[in-house]
N, C-alpha and C. Protein backbone atom coordinates (compact mmCIF):
# COMPACT_ATOMS: atom_id res chain seq x y z
N MET A 1 -14.09 -12.98 -3.95
CA MET A 1 -12.75 -13.35 -4.35
C MET A 1 -12.68 -13.41 -5.87
N GLU A 2 -11.68 -12.76 -6.44
CA GLU A 2 -11.46 -12.76 -7.89
C GLU A 2 -11.08 -14.17 -8.36
N PRO A 3 -11.40 -14.50 -9.63
CA PRO A 3 -11.03 -15.83 -10.15
C PRO A 3 -9.53 -16.13 -10.03
N ASN A 4 -8.67 -15.15 -10.32
CA ASN A 4 -7.24 -15.39 -10.21
C ASN A 4 -6.82 -15.64 -8.77
N GLU A 5 -7.43 -14.94 -7.84
CA GLU A 5 -7.13 -15.16 -6.42
C GLU A 5 -7.57 -16.56 -5.99
N LYS A 6 -8.72 -16.99 -6.47
CA LYS A 6 -9.23 -18.31 -6.14
C LYS A 6 -8.31 -19.39 -6.70
N LEU A 7 -7.88 -19.21 -7.93
CA LEU A 7 -6.96 -20.17 -8.54
C LEU A 7 -5.64 -20.21 -7.77
N ARG A 8 -5.11 -19.03 -7.40
CA ARG A 8 -3.87 -18.98 -6.63
C ARG A 8 -4.03 -19.71 -5.30
N GLU A 9 -5.15 -19.50 -4.62
CA GLU A 9 -5.38 -20.17 -3.34
C GLU A 9 -5.44 -21.69 -3.52
N GLN A 10 -6.04 -22.15 -4.61
CA GLN A 10 -6.10 -23.59 -4.87
C GLN A 10 -4.72 -24.15 -5.16
N ILE A 11 -3.92 -23.42 -5.92
CA ILE A 11 -2.55 -23.86 -6.21
C ILE A 11 -1.74 -23.86 -4.92
N PHE A 12 -1.90 -22.85 -4.09
CA PHE A 12 -1.18 -22.80 -2.81
C PHE A 12 -1.59 -23.97 -1.92
N GLU A 13 -2.84 -24.38 -1.99
CA GLU A 13 -3.31 -25.53 -1.20
C GLU A 13 -2.62 -26.81 -1.68
N ILE A 14 -2.48 -26.96 -2.99
CA ILE A 14 -1.77 -28.13 -3.53
C ILE A 14 -0.32 -28.14 -3.04
N ILE A 15 0.32 -26.97 -3.07
CA ILE A 15 1.70 -26.86 -2.61
C ILE A 15 1.79 -27.22 -1.13
N LYS A 16 0.85 -26.72 -0.33
CA LYS A 16 0.83 -27.03 1.10
C LYS A 16 0.73 -28.53 1.31
N ASN A 17 -0.12 -29.19 0.54
CA ASN A 17 -0.29 -30.64 0.65
C ASN A 17 0.98 -31.38 0.22
N GLN A 18 1.61 -30.91 -0.84
CA GLN A 18 2.85 -31.54 -1.30
C GLN A 18 3.94 -31.43 -0.22
N ILE A 19 4.03 -30.27 0.41
CA ILE A 19 5.04 -30.07 1.45
C ILE A 19 4.71 -30.96 2.66
N ARG A 20 3.46 -30.96 3.08
CA ARG A 20 3.04 -31.75 4.25
C ARG A 20 3.28 -33.24 4.01
N ASN A 21 2.95 -33.71 2.82
CA ASN A 21 3.07 -35.14 2.51
C ASN A 21 4.46 -35.52 1.98
N ASN A 22 5.31 -34.51 1.79
CA ASN A 22 6.63 -34.73 1.21
C ASN A 22 6.54 -35.51 -0.10
N ASP A 23 5.58 -35.10 -0.93
CA ASP A 23 5.32 -35.78 -2.20
C ASP A 23 4.97 -34.77 -3.28
N PRO A 24 5.87 -34.48 -4.18
CA PRO A 24 7.22 -35.00 -4.25
C PRO A 24 8.13 -34.28 -3.25
N PRO A 25 9.18 -34.95 -2.81
CA PRO A 25 10.06 -34.34 -1.81
C PRO A 25 10.77 -33.09 -2.32
N GLU A 26 10.88 -32.95 -3.62
CA GLU A 26 11.53 -31.77 -4.21
C GLU A 26 10.77 -30.49 -3.93
N THR A 27 9.46 -30.58 -3.69
CA THR A 27 8.69 -29.37 -3.38
C THR A 27 9.15 -28.77 -2.07
N LYS A 28 9.25 -29.59 -1.04
CA LYS A 28 9.71 -29.09 0.27
C LYS A 28 11.16 -28.64 0.20
N ALA A 29 12.00 -29.41 -0.48
CA ALA A 29 13.41 -29.03 -0.61
C ALA A 29 13.54 -27.69 -1.33
N THR A 30 12.74 -27.48 -2.36
CA THR A 30 12.77 -26.21 -3.09
C THR A 30 12.25 -25.09 -2.21
N PHE A 31 11.18 -25.34 -1.48
CA PHE A 31 10.63 -24.33 -0.58
C PHE A 31 11.69 -23.90 0.43
N ASP A 32 12.33 -24.86 1.06
CA ASP A 32 13.37 -24.56 2.07
C ASP A 32 14.55 -23.82 1.45
N ARG A 33 14.96 -24.25 0.27
CA ARG A 33 16.10 -23.61 -0.41
C ARG A 33 15.80 -22.14 -0.74
N LEU A 34 14.62 -21.89 -1.29
CA LEU A 34 14.26 -20.52 -1.67
C LEU A 34 14.12 -19.62 -0.45
N ARG A 35 13.58 -20.17 0.63
CA ARG A 35 13.46 -19.37 1.87
C ARG A 35 14.85 -19.00 2.39
N LYS A 36 15.79 -19.94 2.32
CA LYS A 36 17.15 -19.67 2.77
C LYS A 36 17.84 -18.64 1.87
N GLN A 37 17.39 -18.56 0.62
CA GLN A 37 17.95 -17.58 -0.32
C GLN A 37 17.37 -16.18 -0.09
N GLY A 38 16.41 -16.07 0.84
CA GLY A 38 15.88 -14.77 1.20
C GLY A 38 14.51 -14.43 0.65
N PHE A 39 13.88 -15.36 -0.05
CA PHE A 39 12.53 -15.12 -0.55
C PHE A 39 11.54 -15.33 0.59
N ASP A 40 10.50 -14.48 0.65
CA ASP A 40 9.51 -14.66 1.70
C ASP A 40 8.56 -15.81 1.35
N ASP A 41 7.69 -16.14 2.29
CA ASP A 41 6.77 -17.27 2.13
C ASP A 41 5.91 -17.13 0.88
N PHE A 42 5.33 -15.95 0.68
CA PHE A 42 4.45 -15.74 -0.47
C PHE A 42 5.23 -15.85 -1.77
N GLN A 43 6.39 -15.22 -1.85
CA GLN A 43 7.20 -15.29 -3.07
C GLN A 43 7.57 -16.74 -3.39
N THR A 44 7.94 -17.47 -2.36
CA THR A 44 8.34 -18.86 -2.55
C THR A 44 7.19 -19.70 -3.07
N ARG A 45 6.03 -19.55 -2.46
CA ARG A 45 4.86 -20.31 -2.92
C ARG A 45 4.46 -19.89 -4.33
N GLN A 46 4.62 -18.62 -4.63
CA GLN A 46 4.27 -18.13 -5.97
C GLN A 46 5.20 -18.75 -7.02
N MET A 47 6.49 -18.82 -6.72
CA MET A 47 7.43 -19.43 -7.68
C MET A 47 7.13 -20.91 -7.88
N ILE A 48 6.90 -21.63 -6.79
CA ILE A 48 6.57 -23.05 -6.90
C ILE A 48 5.24 -23.19 -7.66
N GLY A 49 4.32 -22.28 -7.39
CA GLY A 49 3.03 -22.30 -8.08
C GLY A 49 3.16 -22.12 -9.58
N GLN A 50 4.15 -21.36 -10.02
CA GLN A 50 4.38 -21.21 -11.46
C GLN A 50 4.74 -22.55 -12.08
N CYS A 51 5.56 -23.32 -11.39
CA CYS A 51 5.93 -24.65 -11.88
C CYS A 51 4.71 -25.55 -11.95
N LEU A 52 3.89 -25.48 -10.94
CA LEU A 52 2.67 -26.28 -10.91
C LEU A 52 1.70 -25.83 -12.00
N ALA A 53 1.60 -24.52 -12.22
CA ALA A 53 0.70 -23.99 -13.25
C ALA A 53 1.08 -24.48 -14.64
N VAL A 54 2.38 -24.62 -14.90
CA VAL A 54 2.82 -25.16 -16.20
C VAL A 54 2.21 -26.54 -16.41
N GLU A 55 2.27 -27.37 -15.38
CA GLU A 55 1.73 -28.72 -15.50
C GLU A 55 0.20 -28.72 -15.63
N LEU A 56 -0.45 -27.91 -14.83
CA LEU A 56 -1.91 -27.83 -14.91
C LEU A 56 -2.37 -27.35 -16.27
N PHE A 57 -1.66 -26.38 -16.83
CA PHE A 57 -2.00 -25.85 -18.15
C PHE A 57 -1.90 -26.96 -19.21
N GLU A 58 -0.82 -27.72 -19.17
CA GLU A 58 -0.63 -28.79 -20.15
C GLU A 58 -1.75 -29.84 -20.04
N VAL A 59 -2.12 -30.16 -18.82
CA VAL A 59 -3.18 -31.16 -18.60
C VAL A 59 -4.52 -30.62 -19.09
N MET A 60 -4.85 -29.40 -18.69
CA MET A 60 -6.17 -28.85 -18.98
C MET A 60 -6.31 -28.39 -20.43
N LYS A 61 -5.31 -27.73 -20.97
CA LYS A 61 -5.40 -27.16 -22.31
C LYS A 61 -5.20 -28.21 -23.40
N PHE A 62 -4.22 -29.10 -23.18
CA PHE A 62 -3.85 -30.04 -24.23
C PHE A 62 -4.18 -31.49 -23.91
N GLY A 63 -4.73 -31.75 -22.72
CA GLY A 63 -5.09 -33.11 -22.36
C GLY A 63 -3.90 -34.03 -22.19
N LYS A 64 -2.72 -33.44 -21.97
CA LYS A 64 -1.51 -34.25 -21.79
C LYS A 64 -1.46 -34.76 -20.35
N PRO A 65 -0.77 -35.88 -20.13
CA PRO A 65 -0.62 -36.37 -18.76
C PRO A 65 0.30 -35.46 -17.96
N TYR A 66 0.09 -35.45 -16.66
CA TYR A 66 0.93 -34.69 -15.75
C TYR A 66 2.36 -35.18 -15.90
N ASN A 67 3.31 -34.24 -16.03
CA ASN A 67 4.71 -34.58 -16.25
C ASN A 67 5.50 -34.26 -14.98
N ASN A 68 5.62 -35.24 -14.10
CA ASN A 68 6.29 -35.04 -12.83
C ASN A 68 7.78 -34.72 -13.02
N ALA A 69 8.41 -35.34 -14.01
CA ALA A 69 9.83 -35.08 -14.26
C ALA A 69 10.06 -33.62 -14.64
N ARG A 70 9.19 -33.06 -15.47
CA ARG A 70 9.33 -31.65 -15.85
C ARG A 70 9.04 -30.74 -14.66
N TYR A 71 8.04 -31.10 -13.86
CA TYR A 71 7.73 -30.32 -12.66
C TYR A 71 8.95 -30.25 -11.75
N ILE A 72 9.58 -31.37 -11.50
CA ILE A 72 10.76 -31.41 -10.64
C ILE A 72 11.91 -30.63 -11.26
N LYS A 73 12.11 -30.77 -12.57
CA LYS A 73 13.17 -30.03 -13.26
C LYS A 73 12.95 -28.53 -13.09
N ASN A 74 11.72 -28.08 -13.23
CA ASN A 74 11.41 -26.66 -13.08
C ASN A 74 11.58 -26.21 -11.62
N LEU A 75 11.23 -27.05 -10.67
CA LEU A 75 11.44 -26.72 -9.26
C LEU A 75 12.93 -26.51 -8.98
N LEU A 76 13.75 -27.42 -9.48
CA LEU A 76 15.19 -27.35 -9.22
C LEU A 76 15.84 -26.13 -9.87
N ALA A 77 15.22 -25.60 -10.93
CA ALA A 77 15.77 -24.44 -11.63
C ALA A 77 15.35 -23.11 -10.99
N LEU A 78 14.39 -23.13 -10.06
CA LEU A 78 13.95 -21.89 -9.42
C LEU A 78 15.11 -21.23 -8.70
N PRO A 79 15.22 -19.92 -8.72
CA PRO A 79 14.19 -18.93 -9.03
C PRO A 79 14.04 -18.59 -10.51
N LYS A 80 14.75 -19.29 -11.40
CA LYS A 80 14.53 -19.06 -12.83
C LYS A 80 13.09 -19.46 -13.15
N GLU A 81 12.40 -18.61 -13.92
CA GLU A 81 11.00 -18.88 -14.24
C GLU A 81 10.88 -20.11 -15.14
N PRO A 82 9.87 -20.93 -14.90
CA PRO A 82 9.68 -22.13 -15.73
C PRO A 82 9.03 -21.78 -17.08
N PHE A 83 9.74 -22.07 -18.13
CA PHE A 83 9.16 -21.86 -19.46
C PHE A 83 8.97 -23.18 -20.19
N ASP A 84 9.44 -24.25 -19.59
CA ASP A 84 9.32 -25.56 -20.19
C ASP A 84 8.52 -26.45 -19.28
């Protein structure tokens, strides 16, 4: 498995856990909304994963705390790509 594939699988696992645990509830709501808009399962998880990757990057690269408010803001803006 390529490193990028492994990272994607780990991010998808986090998303699966967020949906299962309804924590934050916006993840499941976003997943359901995007699916209703016609995106397939993989596309939907990939878009949510981009929002999660923004947060992981900030934590790992800059040592900043996880910003749940920004994560939720980016989820609500999907399918627009998260740049903030």
